[in-house]
Amino acid sequence: MQCLRFALILSLFSLLSHAQTYNLKQIGVCIQILLQATSDLTHRTTPIARTMLECVGFKTSQNVTSLDGKTFKEVASKFVGELVQNPSCLLDVAAEVKNLLGQHFARFNTYRCMYLGVASSCMPKDL
């Protein structure tokens, strides 16, 4: 977590050191879109996972709140094995995540967040 925090701070400093070429308002909007998407996804992670577990019908005799590393790997391996046998559950979850994040990706494209710092002459013409 500390490495992630350090990388985020370092990237922000790098971004700010070249701030004259960036539109800071657009950067703020793009960061807000990313944070909203992350918030929506984390808020819905437990229900999505529960839906997937119910769809697969996965049951374990282990107490999942007190698993050590080795036991967790075994339980996760069994779950993935059952998930592979029933791929429609994974497709349903993927569709649900796509619907959840679709609005955020649309806004991300509208504000051209993927092209921050790219010269307008280098941007695709269809945007």
C-alpha atoms as a PDB file:
ATOM      1  CA  MET A   1       0.000   0.000   0.000  1.00  0.00           C
ATOM      2  CA  GLN A   2       2.870   2.346   0.762  1.00  0.00           C
ATOM      3  CA  CYS A   3       4.381   1.672  -2.670  1.00  0.00           C
ATOM      4  CA  LEU A   4       1.048   2.476  -4.300  1.00  0.00           C
ATOM      5  CA  ARG A   5       0.751   5.701  -2.330  1.00  0.00           C
ATOM      6  CA  PHE A   6       4.326   6.645  -3.266  1.00  0.00           C
ATOM      7  CA  ALA A   7       3.664   5.901  -6.955  1.00  0.00           C
ATOM      8  CA  LEU A   8       0.494   8.014  -6.875  1.00  0.00           C
ATOM      9  CA  ILE A   9       2.289  10.951  -5.268  1.00  0.00           C
ATOM     10  CA  LEU A  10       5.203  10.628  -7.675  1.00  0.00           C
ATOM     11  CA  SER A  11       2.875  10.552 -10.672  1.00  0.00           C
ATOM     12  CA  LEU A  12       1.000  13.613  -9.405  1.00  0.00           C
ATOM     13  CA  PHE A  13       4.278  15.515  -8.987  1.00  0.00           C
ATOM     14  CA  SER A  14       5.302  14.456 -12.474  1.00  0.00           C
ATOM     15  CA  LEU A  15       1.963  15.620 -13.813  1.00  0.00           C
ATOM     16  CA  LEU A  16       2.188  18.947 -12.004  1.00  0.00           C
ATOM     17  CA  SER A  17       5.737  19.551 -13.197  1.00  0.00           C
ATOM     18  CA  HIS A  18       4.333  19.631 -16.735  1.00  0.00           C
ATOM     19  CA  ALA A  19       1.131  21.419 -15.733  1.00  0.00           C
ATOM     20  CA  GLN A  20       1.533  24.160 -18.284  1.00  0.00           C
ATOM     21  CA  THR A  21       0.680  21.677 -21.034  1.00  0.00           C
ATOM     22  CA  TYR A  22      -2.348  20.224 -19.228  1.00  0.00           C
ATOM     23  CA  ASN A  23      -5.794  21.566 -18.547  1.00  0.00           C
ATOM     24  CA  LEU A  24      -6.030  21.185 -14.765  1.00  0.00           C
ATOM     25  CA  LYS A  25      -9.825  21.452 -14.813  1.00  0.00           C
ATOM     26  CA  GLN A  26      -9.994  18.524 -17.253  1.00  0.00           C
ATOM     27  CA  ILE A  27      -7.587  16.537 -15.067  1.00  0.00           C
ATOM     28  CA  GLY A  28      -9.854  17.181 -12.077  1.00  0.00           C
ATOM     29  CA  VAL A  29     -12.925  16.003 -13.992  1.00  0.00           C
ATOM     30  CA  CYS A  30     -11.105  12.865 -15.154  1.00  0.00           C
ATOM     31  CA  ILE A  31      -9.937  12.068 -11.628  1.00  0.00           C
ATOM     32  CA  GLN A  32     -13.493  12.574 -10.382  1.00  0.00           C
ATOM     33  CA  ILE A  33     -14.810  10.144 -13.024  1.00  0.00           C
ATOM     34  CA  LEU A  34     -12.209   7.540 -12.011  1.00  0.00           C
ATOM     35  CA  LEU A  35     -13.032   7.958  -8.327  1.00  0.00           C
ATOM     36  CA  GLN A  36     -16.764   7.610  -8.975  1.00  0.00           C
ATOM     37  CA  ALA A  37     -16.189   4.473 -11.044  1.00  0.00           C
ATOM     38  CA  THR A  38     -13.951   3.019  -8.328  1.00  0.00           C
ATOM     39  CA  SER A  39     -16.518   3.895  -5.675  1.00  0.00           C
ATOM     40  CA  ASP A  40     -19.375   2.290  -7.608  1.00  0.00           C
ATOM     41  CA  LEU A  41     -17.328  -0.831  -8.265  1.00  0.00           C
ATOM     42  CA  THR A  42     -16.172  -1.242  -4.656  1.00  0.00           C
ATOM     43  CA  HIS A  43     -19.690  -0.557  -3.397  1.00  0.00           C
ATOM     44  CA  ARG A  44     -21.068  -3.327  -5.628  1.00  0.00           C
ATOM     45  CA  THR A  45     -18.225  -5.841  -5.229  1.00  0.00           C
ATOM     46  CA  THR A  46     -19.834  -7.834  -2.409  1.00  0.00           C
ATOM     47  CA  PRO A  47     -23.248  -8.204  -4.096  1.00  0.00           C
ATOM     48  CA  ILE A  48     -21.580  -9.112  -7.409  1.00  0.00           C
ATOM     49  CA  ALA A  49     -19.391 -11.720  -5.707  1.00  0.00           C
ATOM     50  CA  ARG A  50     -22.395 -13.093  -3.813  1.00  0.00           C
ATOM     51  CA  THR A  51     -24.333 -13.377  -7.081  1.00  0.00           C
ATOM     52  CA  MET A  52     -21.441 -15.245  -8.673  1.00  0.00           C
ATOM     53  CA  LEU A  53     -21.121 -17.621  -5.692  1.00  0.00           C
ATOM     54  CA  GLU A  54     -24.850 -18.349  -5.771  1.00  0.00           C
ATOM     55  CA  CYS A  55     -24.806 -18.874  -9.524  1.00  0.00           C
ATOM     56  CA  VAL A  56     -21.933 -21.348  -9.310  1.00  0.00           C
ATOM     57  CA  GLY A  57     -23.413 -22.963  -6.206  1.00  0.00           C
ATOM     58  CA  PHE A  58     -20.053 -22.924  -4.445  1.00  0.00           C
ATOM     59  CA  LYS A  59     -19.988 -24.264  -0.899  1.00  0.00           C
ATOM     60  CA  THR A  60     -17.002 -24.836   1.342  1.00  0.00           C
ATOM     61  CA  SER A  61     -16.595 -26.399   4.752  1.00  0.00           C
ATOM     62  CA  GLN A  62     -13.842 -23.904   5.624  1.00  0.00           C
ATOM     63  CA  ASN A  63     -14.465 -20.811   7.720  1.00  0.00           C
ATOM     64  CA  VAL A  64     -13.658 -18.207   5.079  1.00  0.00           C
ATOM     65  CA  THR A  65     -13.081 -15.432   7.627  1.00  0.00           C
ATOM     66  CA  SER A  66     -10.078 -17.180   9.159  1.00  0.00           C
ATOM     67  CA  LEU A  67      -8.237 -18.716   6.216  1.00  0.00           C
ATOM     68  CA  ASP A  68      -4.465 -18.792   6.065  1.00  0.00           C
ATOM     69  CA  GLY A  69      -2.644 -18.379   2.761  1.00  0.00           C
ATOM     70  CA  LYS A  70      -2.444 -22.052   1.834  1.00  0.00           C
ATOM     71  CA  THR A  71      -6.072 -22.811   2.680  1.00  0.00           C
ATOM     72  CA  PHE A  72      -7.231 -19.700   0.842  1.00  0.00           C
ATOM     73  CA  LYS A  73      -5.397 -20.876  -2.282  1.00  0.00           C
ATOM     74  CA  GLU A  74      -7.090 -24.275  -2.028  1.00  0.00           C
ATOM     75  CA  VAL A  75     -10.574 -22.759  -1.603  1.00  0.00           C
ATOM     76  CA  ALA A  76      -9.952 -20.258  -4.418  1.00  0.00           C
ATOM     77  CA  SER A  77      -8.707 -23.052  -6.681  1.00  0.00           C
ATOM     78  CA  LYS A  78     -11.870 -25.098  -6.029  1.00  0.00           C
ATOM     79  CA  PHE A  79     -14.023 -22.042  -6.737  1.00  0.00           C
ATOM     80  CA  VAL A  80     -12.227 -21.303 -10.017  1.00  0.00           C
ATOM     81  CA  GLY A  81     -12.595 -24.972 -10.982  1.00  0.00           C
ATOM     82  CA  GLU A  82     -16.358 -24.785 -10.461  1.00  0.00           C
ATOM     83  CA  LEU A  83     -16.526 -21.427 -12.225  1.00  0.00           C
ATOM     84  CA  VAL A  84     -14.799 -22.856 -15.304  1.00  0.00           C
ATOM     85  CA  GLN A  85     -17.439 -25.584 -15.452  1.00  0.00           C
ATOM     86  CA  ASN A  86     -20.178 -22.922 -15.469  1.00  0.00           C
ATOM     87  CA  PRO A  87     -18.924 -19.996 -17.608  1.00  0.00           C
ATOM     88  CA  SER A  88     -22.386 -18.463 -18.003  1.00  0.00           C
ATOM     89  CA  CYS A  89     -22.056 -17.203 -14.414  1.00  0.00           C
ATOM     90  CA  LEU A  90     -18.848 -15.393 -15.283  1.00  0.00           C
ATOM     91  CA  LEU A  91     -20.479 -13.885 -18.367  1.00  0.00           C
ATOM     92  CA  ASP A  92     -23.418 -12.669 -16.255  1.00  0.00           C
ATOM     93  CA  VAL A  93     -21.039 -11.015 -13.792  1.00  0.00           C
ATOM     94  CA  ALA A  94     -19.041  -9.467 -16.640  1.00  0.00           C
ATOM     95  CA  ALA A  95     -22.252  -8.028 -18.105  1.00  0.00           C
ATOM     96  CA  GLU A  96     -23.208  -6.614 -14.709  1.00  0.00           C
ATOM     97  CA  VAL A  97     -19.787  -4.967 -14.288  1.00  0.00           C
ATOM     98  CA  LYS A  98     -19.996  -3.633 -17.848  1.00  0.00           C
ATOM     99  CA  ASN A  99     -23.383  -2.059 -17.117  1.00  0.00           C
ATOM    100  CA  LEU A 100     -22.064  -0.637 -13.868  1.00  0.00           C
ATOM    101  CA  LEU A 101     -18.958   0.927 -15.415  1.00  0.00           C
ATOM    102  CA  GLY A 102     -20.405   1.756 -18.838  1.00  0.00           C
ATOM    103  CA  GLN A 103     -21.656   5.199 -17.852  1.00  0.00           C
ATOM    104  CA  HIS A 104     -18.258   6.068 -16.412  1.00  0.00           C
ATOM    105  CA  PHE A 105     -16.420   4.939 -19.559  1.00  0.00           C
ATOM    106  CA  ALA A 106     -18.802   7.045 -21.657  1.00  0.00           C
ATOM    107  CA  ARG A 107     -18.012  10.131 -19.571  1.00  0.00           C
ATOM    108  CA  PHE A 108     -14.317   9.216 -19.662  1.00  0.00           C
ATOM    109  CA  ASN A 109     -14.460   9.247 -23.474  1.00  0.00           C
ATOM    110  CA  THR A 110     -16.563  12.430 -23.579  1.00  0.00           C
ATOM    111  CA  TYR A 111     -13.947  14.349 -21.608  1.00  0.00           C
ATOM    112  CA  ARG A 112     -11.107  12.733 -23.611  1.00  0.00           C
ATOM    113  CA  CYS A 113      -9.394  11.583 -20.447  1.00  0.00           C
ATOM    114  CA  MET A 114      -7.249   9.089 -22.349  1.00  0.00           C
ATOM    115  CA  TYR A 115      -5.694  11.968 -24.284  1.00  0.00           C
ATOM    116  CA  LEU A 116      -4.510  14.229 -21.471  1.00  0.00           C
ATOM    117  CA  GLY A 117      -1.359  15.984 -22.610  1.00  0.00           C
ATOM    118  CA  VAL A 118      -1.649  14.729 -26.185  1.00  0.00           C
ATOM    119  CA  ALA A 119      -1.427  17.438 -28.812  1.00  0.00           C
ATOM    120  CA  SER A 120      -4.742  18.051 -30.561  1.00  0.00           C
ATOM    121  CA  SER A 121      -3.115  17.258 -33.900  1.00  0.00           C
ATOM    122  CA  CYS A 122      -2.377  13.728 -32.612  1.00  0.00           C
ATOM    123  CA  MET A 123      -5.897  12.964 -31.402  1.00  0.00           C
ATOM    124  CA  PRO A 124      -8.161  10.688 -33.423  1.00  0.00           C
ATOM    125  CA  LYS A 125     -10.485  12.629 -35.730  1.00  0.00           C
ATOM    126  CA  ASP A 126     -13.635  10.771 -34.623  1.00  0.00           C
ATOM    127  CA  LEU A 127     -13.559  12.288 -31.122  1.00  0.00           C
END
